[in-house]
Amino acid sequence: MMKHKGQVLALFVVVLPFLLTLIFFTIELGLTYNYKKKMINVSKQVISNYLDNESIDEVYEIIDYNLTNVTKSITTNDNYIKIELEYYYKTLVSGFINDDGYYIKTTYVGYIENHQKIIKEE
C-alpha cells in the first residue's frame, strides 16, 4: 500500500488563492454595503432635521461629522432639500486583482406636503 502524504498539501496550495479571494471579496462587499447604508441614513436624518427648521450650516456639519471624504451637493428651497452624496471607496486589496474600488452615490429629496415630511430616493 502506497502512502500519499503530499496530496492534501498540494490541494491546499491550489485552493488557497481562490479561498482567500472569496474571503476578501466578501469583506469588501460588506464594507461597501455598510458605507452606502451609512450614507443613506445620514442623508435621511439630515433631511428630516432640515425640514424641522435646522440651518443649512448644521446640515453640512452633520454630514462632515458622520461621513469623511464625501463629495456633497445640497440644493434647498423653501421646505425642499435635495442631497447628493458621492464617495469613492478604495478597496483593501486594490492593485492585487486590478480593482480600483467602488463608486457609491446616493440622492435623496425631502419636502413638506400637507403638513407631512416626505423623504424619498430620487
N, C-alpha and C. Protein backbone atom coordinates (compact mmCIF):
# COMPACT_ATOMS: atom_id res chain seq x y z
N MET A 1 0.84 -1.17 0.00
CA MET A 1 0.00 0.00 0.00
C MET A 1 0.89 1.25 0.00
N MET A 2 0.64 2.15 -0.97
CA MET A 2 1.45 3.37 -1.08
C MET A 2 0.84 4.47 -0.22
N LYS A 3 1.71 5.30 0.32
CA LYS A 3 1.25 6.43 1.12
C LYS A 3 1.29 7.68 0.25
N HIS A 4 0.26 8.50 0.36
CA HIS A 4 0.15 9.74 -0.42
C HIS A 4 0.16 10.92 0.53
N LYS A 5 1.30 11.21 1.08
CA LYS A 5 1.40 12.24 2.10
C LYS A 5 1.30 13.66 1.55
N GLY A 6 1.67 13.92 0.33
CA GLY A 6 1.72 15.27 -0.19
C GLY A 6 0.47 15.73 -0.91
N GLN A 7 -0.54 14.87 -1.05
CA GLN A 7 -1.72 15.22 -1.83
C GLN A 7 -2.55 16.33 -1.18
N VAL A 8 -2.74 16.26 0.09
CA VAL A 8 -3.56 17.26 0.78
C VAL A 8 -2.87 18.62 0.74
N LEU A 9 -1.56 18.63 0.92
CA LEU A 9 -0.81 19.88 0.87
C LEU A 9 -0.88 20.50 -0.53
N ALA A 10 -0.75 19.70 -1.55
CA ALA A 10 -0.83 20.21 -2.92
C ALA A 10 -2.23 20.76 -3.22
N LEU A 11 -3.25 20.07 -2.77
CA LEU A 11 -4.62 20.55 -2.95
C LEU A 11 -4.84 21.86 -2.20
N PHE A 12 -4.33 21.97 -0.99
CA PHE A 12 -4.45 23.19 -0.19
C PHE A 12 -3.78 24.37 -0.88
N VAL A 13 -2.61 24.15 -1.46
CA VAL A 13 -1.88 25.22 -2.16
C VAL A 13 -2.64 25.67 -3.40
N VAL A 14 -3.32 24.77 -4.06
CA VAL A 14 -4.09 25.12 -5.25
C VAL A 14 -5.37 25.87 -4.87
N VAL A 15 -6.04 25.46 -3.82
CA VAL A 15 -7.33 26.03 -3.43
C VAL A 15 -7.18 27.33 -2.62
N LEU A 16 -6.08 27.51 -1.92
CA LEU A 16 -5.90 28.66 -1.04
C LEU A 16 -6.08 30.01 -1.73
N PRO A 17 -5.51 30.27 -2.90
CA PRO A 17 -5.74 31.58 -3.54
C PRO A 17 -7.22 31.87 -3.83
N PHE A 18 -7.95 30.87 -4.27
CA PHE A 18 -9.37 31.05 -4.54
C PHE A 18 -10.15 31.32 -3.26
N LEU A 19 -9.79 30.62 -2.21
CA LEU A 19 -10.45 30.80 -0.93
C LEU A 19 -10.18 32.19 -0.37
N LEU A 20 -8.94 32.65 -0.43
CA LEU A 20 -8.59 33.98 0.06
C LEU A 20 -9.28 35.07 -0.76
N THR A 21 -9.34 34.88 -2.07
CA THR A 21 -10.03 35.85 -2.93
C THR A 21 -11.50 35.94 -2.56
N LEU A 22 -12.14 34.82 -2.34
CA LEU A 22 -13.54 34.81 -1.95
C LEU A 22 -13.75 35.50 -0.60
N ILE A 23 -12.88 35.25 0.35
CA ILE A 23 -12.99 35.87 1.67
C ILE A 23 -12.81 37.38 1.57
N PHE A 24 -11.78 37.84 0.86
CA PHE A 24 -11.55 39.28 0.72
C PHE A 24 -12.68 39.96 -0.05
N PHE A 25 -13.20 39.31 -1.07
CA PHE A 25 -14.31 39.88 -1.83
C PHE A 25 -15.54 40.04 -0.94
N THR A 26 -15.81 39.06 -0.10
CA THR A 26 -16.94 39.14 0.81
C THR A 26 -16.78 40.28 1.81
N ILE A 27 -15.57 40.45 2.33
CA ILE A 27 -15.30 41.55 3.26
C ILE A 27 -15.46 42.89 2.55
N GLU A 28 -14.90 43.01 1.36
CA GLU A 28 -15.00 44.26 0.58
C GLU A 28 -16.46 44.61 0.30
N LEU A 29 -17.23 43.64 -0.11
CA LEU A 29 -18.63 43.86 -0.42
C LEU A 29 -19.40 44.30 0.82
N GLY A 30 -19.12 43.69 1.95
CA GLY A 30 -19.76 44.05 3.20
C GLY A 30 -19.42 45.46 3.64
N LEU A 31 -18.15 45.84 3.54
CA LEU A 31 -17.74 47.19 3.92
C LEU A 31 -18.35 48.25 3.01
N THR A 32 -18.42 47.94 1.72
CA THR A 32 -19.02 48.88 0.77
C THR A 32 -20.51 49.04 1.04
N TYR A 33 -21.19 47.95 1.26
CA TYR A 33 -22.62 47.99 1.56
C TYR A 33 -22.88 48.77 2.85
N ASN A 34 -22.05 48.53 3.85
CA ASN A 34 -22.19 49.22 5.13
C ASN A 34 -22.02 50.73 4.96
N TYR A 35 -21.05 51.16 4.17
CA TYR A 35 -20.83 52.60 3.97
C TYR A 35 -21.99 53.22 3.20
N LYS A 36 -22.53 52.50 2.22
CA LYS A 36 -23.66 53.02 1.47
C LYS A 36 -24.87 53.19 2.39
N LYS A 37 -25.13 52.22 3.25
CA LYS A 37 -26.24 52.34 4.19
C LYS A 37 -26.02 53.51 5.14
N LYS A 38 -24.78 53.75 5.54
CA LYS A 38 -24.47 54.89 6.40
C LYS A 38 -24.76 56.20 5.68
N MET A 39 -24.39 56.27 4.40
CA MET A 39 -24.67 57.47 3.60
C MET A 39 -26.18 57.71 3.50
N ILE A 40 -26.94 56.65 3.30
CA ILE A 40 -28.40 56.77 3.20
C ILE A 40 -28.99 57.25 4.51
N ASN A 41 -28.56 56.66 5.62
CA ASN A 41 -29.09 57.04 6.92
C ASN A 41 -28.77 58.49 7.27
N VAL A 42 -27.54 58.91 6.99
CA VAL A 42 -27.17 60.30 7.26
C VAL A 42 -27.98 61.24 6.39
N SER A 43 -28.19 60.90 5.12
CA SER A 43 -29.00 61.74 4.22
C SER A 43 -30.41 61.91 4.76
N LYS A 44 -31.03 60.81 5.16
CA LYS A 44 -32.40 60.88 5.68
C LYS A 44 -32.48 61.69 6.97
N GLN A 45 -31.50 61.50 7.85
CA GLN A 45 -31.50 62.23 9.11
C GLN A 45 -31.31 63.73 8.88
N VAL A 46 -30.40 64.07 7.98
CA VAL A 46 -30.14 65.48 7.68
C VAL A 46 -31.36 66.13 7.04
N ILE A 47 -32.02 65.43 6.15
CA ILE A 47 -33.23 65.97 5.51
C ILE A 47 -34.32 66.20 6.56
N SER A 48 -34.50 65.22 7.42
CA SER A 48 -35.50 65.36 8.47
C SER A 48 -35.20 66.55 9.38
N ASN A 49 -33.94 66.69 9.76
CA ASN A 49 -33.54 67.82 10.61
C ASN A 49 -33.75 69.15 9.89
N TYR A 50 -33.40 69.21 8.61
CA TYR A 50 -33.57 70.46 7.85
C TYR A 50 -35.04 70.85 7.76
N LEU A 51 -35.89 69.86 7.52
CA LEU A 51 -37.32 70.15 7.42
C LEU A 51 -37.91 70.56 8.76
N ASP A 52 -37.20 70.25 9.85
CA ASP A 52 -37.60 70.71 11.18
C ASP A 52 -36.93 72.04 11.52
N ASN A 53 -36.59 72.82 10.50
CA ASN A 53 -36.04 74.17 10.63
C ASN A 53 -34.60 74.21 11.13
N GLU A 54 -33.82 73.24 10.78
CA GLU A 54 -32.39 73.31 11.08
C GLU A 54 -31.70 74.12 9.99
N SER A 55 -30.64 74.81 10.36
CA SER A 55 -29.96 75.66 9.38
C SER A 55 -29.12 74.81 8.42
N ILE A 56 -28.81 75.38 7.27
CA ILE A 56 -28.01 74.67 6.26
C ILE A 56 -26.60 74.44 6.76
N ASP A 57 -26.09 75.32 7.60
CA ASP A 57 -24.75 75.13 8.17
C ASP A 57 -24.70 73.89 9.06
N GLU A 58 -25.78 73.67 9.81
CA GLU A 58 -25.85 72.46 10.65
C GLU A 58 -25.95 71.20 9.80
N VAL A 59 -26.59 71.31 8.65
CA VAL A 59 -26.68 70.17 7.72
C VAL A 59 -25.28 69.76 7.27
N TYR A 60 -24.50 70.74 6.83
CA TYR A 60 -23.12 70.44 6.40
C TYR A 60 -22.29 69.88 7.56
N GLU A 61 -22.50 70.42 8.74
CA GLU A 61 -21.74 69.97 9.91
C GLU A 61 -22.04 68.51 10.24
N ILE A 62 -23.30 68.13 10.17
CA ILE A 62 -23.68 66.74 10.46
C ILE A 62 -23.10 65.79 9.42
N ILE A 63 -23.16 66.18 8.17
CA ILE A 63 -22.60 65.32 7.12
C ILE A 63 -21.10 65.18 7.29
N ASP A 64 -20.41 66.28 7.53
CA ASP A 64 -18.96 66.23 7.71
C ASP A 64 -18.55 65.43 8.93
N TYR A 65 -19.35 65.48 9.98
CA TYR A 65 -19.03 64.74 11.20
C TYR A 65 -19.19 63.24 10.99
N ASN A 66 -20.22 62.83 10.26
CA ASN A 66 -20.53 61.40 10.12
C ASN A 66 -19.88 60.73 8.91
N LEU A 67 -19.58 61.49 7.88
CA LEU A 67 -19.03 60.91 6.65
C LEU A 67 -17.76 61.67 6.27
N THR A 68 -16.68 60.96 6.09
CA THR A 68 -15.43 61.61 5.72
C THR A 68 -15.17 61.43 4.23
N ASN A 69 -14.57 62.43 3.62
CA ASN A 69 -14.17 62.40 2.20
C ASN A 69 -15.33 62.16 1.25
N VAL A 70 -16.47 62.70 1.59
CA VAL A 70 -17.65 62.55 0.74
C VAL A 70 -17.86 63.85 -0.03
N THR A 71 -18.12 63.71 -1.33
CA THR A 71 -18.47 64.86 -2.14
C THR A 71 -19.96 65.09 -1.99
N LYS A 72 -20.34 66.30 -1.62
CA LYS A 72 -21.75 66.56 -1.36
C LYS A 72 -22.27 67.72 -2.21
N SER A 73 -23.50 67.59 -2.61
CA SER A 73 -24.19 68.65 -3.34
C SER A 73 -25.57 68.80 -2.70
N ILE A 74 -25.83 69.99 -2.17
CA ILE A 74 -27.09 70.21 -1.46
C ILE A 74 -27.83 71.37 -2.13
N THR A 75 -29.08 71.11 -2.50
CA THR A 75 -29.94 72.12 -3.10
C THR A 75 -31.12 72.35 -2.17
N THR A 76 -31.39 73.61 -1.85
CA THR A 76 -32.50 73.91 -0.95
C THR A 76 -33.39 75.00 -1.53
N ASN A 77 -34.66 74.90 -1.21
CA ASN A 77 -35.67 75.93 -1.44
C ASN A 77 -36.53 75.96 -0.19
N ASP A 78 -37.60 76.71 -0.20
CA ASP A 78 -38.50 76.70 0.95
C ASP A 78 -39.12 75.32 1.12
N ASN A 79 -38.86 74.71 2.25
CA ASN A 79 -39.40 73.39 2.60
C ASN A 79 -39.05 72.30 1.59
N TYR A 80 -37.90 72.42 0.96
CA TYR A 80 -37.42 71.41 0.00
C TYR A 80 -35.91 71.32 0.13
N ILE A 81 -35.40 70.09 0.11
CA ILE A 81 -33.95 69.88 0.15
C ILE A 81 -33.62 68.65 -0.68
N LYS A 82 -32.53 68.75 -1.42
CA LYS A 82 -32.03 67.63 -2.21
C LYS A 82 -30.57 67.44 -1.84
N ILE A 83 -30.22 66.22 -1.45
CA ILE A 83 -28.85 65.91 -1.05
C ILE A 83 -28.30 64.81 -1.94
N GLU A 84 -27.17 65.11 -2.58
CA GLU A 84 -26.45 64.13 -3.38
C GLU A 84 -25.10 63.89 -2.70
N LEU A 85 -24.84 62.64 -2.36
CA LEU A 85 -23.57 62.28 -1.74
C LEU A 85 -22.86 61.30 -2.65
N GLU A 86 -21.57 61.53 -2.86
CA GLU A 86 -20.76 60.64 -3.69
C GLU A 86 -19.50 60.28 -2.92
N TYR A 87 -19.11 59.02 -3.05
CA TYR A 87 -17.93 58.56 -2.34
C TYR A 87 -17.23 57.50 -3.18
N TYR A 88 -15.93 57.59 -3.24
CA TYR A 88 -15.13 56.59 -3.93
C TYR A 88 -14.48 55.72 -2.85
N TYR A 89 -14.92 54.47 -2.75
CA TYR A 89 -14.41 53.56 -1.73
C TYR A 89 -13.26 52.75 -2.31
N LYS A 90 -12.06 53.03 -1.83
CA LYS A 90 -10.88 52.31 -2.30
C LYS A 90 -10.81 50.98 -1.57
N THR A 91 -10.63 49.92 -2.31
CA THR A 91 -10.67 48.58 -1.73
C THR A 91 -9.40 48.28 -0.94
N LEU A 92 -9.52 47.29 -0.07
CA LEU A 92 -8.38 46.87 0.74
C LEU A 92 -7.29 46.22 -0.10
N VAL A 93 -7.69 45.52 -1.13
CA VAL A 93 -6.74 44.77 -1.94
C VAL A 93 -6.61 45.35 -3.35
N SER A 94 -6.82 46.66 -3.48
CA SER A 94 -6.72 47.27 -4.81
C SER A 94 -5.31 47.08 -5.37
N GLY A 95 -5.26 46.79 -6.61
CA GLY A 95 -3.98 46.51 -7.24
C GLY A 95 -3.70 45.02 -7.29
N PHE A 96 -4.17 44.29 -6.31
CA PHE A 96 -3.94 42.85 -6.28
C PHE A 96 -4.74 42.15 -7.38
N ILE A 97 -5.98 42.57 -7.54
CA ILE A 97 -6.81 41.97 -8.58
C ILE A 97 -7.19 43.02 -9.62
N ASN A 98 -6.38 44.08 -9.71
CA ASN A 98 -6.58 45.15 -10.69
C ASN A 98 -7.95 45.79 -10.52
N ASP A 99 -8.32 46.02 -9.28
CA ASP A 99 -9.59 46.64 -8.97
C ASP A 99 -9.31 47.97 -8.28
N ASP A 100 -9.84 49.05 -8.81
CA ASP A 100 -9.56 50.36 -8.26
C ASP A 100 -10.44 50.71 -7.08
N GLY A 101 -11.62 50.19 -7.00
CA GLY A 101 -12.52 50.50 -5.90
C GLY A 101 -13.95 50.58 -6.38
N TYR A 102 -14.80 51.14 -5.51
CA TYR A 102 -16.22 51.22 -5.80
C TYR A 102 -16.68 52.67 -5.70
N TYR A 103 -17.54 53.07 -6.60
CA TYR A 103 -18.12 54.40 -6.62
C TYR A 103 -19.53 54.29 -6.04
N ILE A 104 -19.79 55.04 -4.97
CA ILE A 104 -21.08 54.99 -4.30
C ILE A 104 -21.74 56.36 -4.43
N LYS A 105 -23.01 56.36 -4.84
CA LYS A 105 -23.74 57.63 -4.97
C LYS A 105 -25.15 57.44 -4.42
N THR A 106 -25.58 58.41 -3.62
CA THR A 106 -26.95 58.41 -3.12
C THR A 106 -27.55 59.80 -3.36
N THR A 107 -28.82 59.82 -3.72
CA THR A 107 -29.53 61.08 -3.92
C THR A 107 -30.90 60.95 -3.25
N TYR A 108 -31.15 61.84 -2.31
CA TYR A 108 -32.42 61.86 -1.59
C TYR A 108 -32.98 63.27 -1.60
N VAL A 109 -34.31 63.34 -1.65
CA VAL A 109 -35.00 64.62 -1.58
C VAL A 109 -36.00 64.57 -0.43
N GLY A 110 -36.25 65.75 0.11
CA GLY A 110 -37.24 65.86 1.17
C GLY A 110 -38.01 67.14 1.01
N TYR A 111 -39.29 67.08 1.33
CA TYR A 111 -40.13 68.26 1.24
C TYR A 111 -41.33 68.07 2.17
N ILE A 112 -42.04 69.14 2.38
CA ILE A 112 -43.24 69.09 3.21
C ILE A 112 -44.46 69.19 2.30
N GLU A 113 -45.35 68.23 2.46
CA GLU A 113 -46.58 68.19 1.67
C GLU A 113 -47.73 67.85 2.60
N ASN A 114 -48.72 68.70 2.63
CA ASN A 114 -49.88 68.51 3.52
C ASN A 114 -49.46 68.34 4.98
N HIS A 115 -48.53 69.15 5.42
CA HIS A 115 -48.01 69.16 6.79
C HIS A 115 -47.32 67.85 7.18
N GLN A 116 -46.83 67.11 6.20
CA GLN A 116 -46.08 65.88 6.46
C GLN A 116 -44.73 65.95 5.76
N LYS A 117 -43.72 65.39 6.44
CA LYS A 117 -42.39 65.32 5.83
C LYS A 117 -42.36 64.14 4.87
N ILE A 118 -41.92 64.38 3.65
CA ILE A 118 -41.75 63.34 2.64
C ILE A 118 -40.26 63.26 2.34
N ILE A 119 -39.69 62.08 2.56
CA ILE A 119 -38.26 61.85 2.26
C ILE A 119 -38.22 60.62 1.36
N LYS A 120 -37.61 60.80 0.18
CA LYS A 120 -37.57 59.67 -0.75
C LYS A 120 -36.29 59.73 -1.60
N GLU A 121 -35.97 58.58 -2.14
CA GLU A 121 -34.81 58.47 -3.02
C GLU A 121 -35.20 59.01 -4.39
N GLU A 122 -34.26 59.71 -4.98
CA GLU A 122 -34.54 60.24 -6.32
C GLU A 122 -33.87 59.38 -7.36
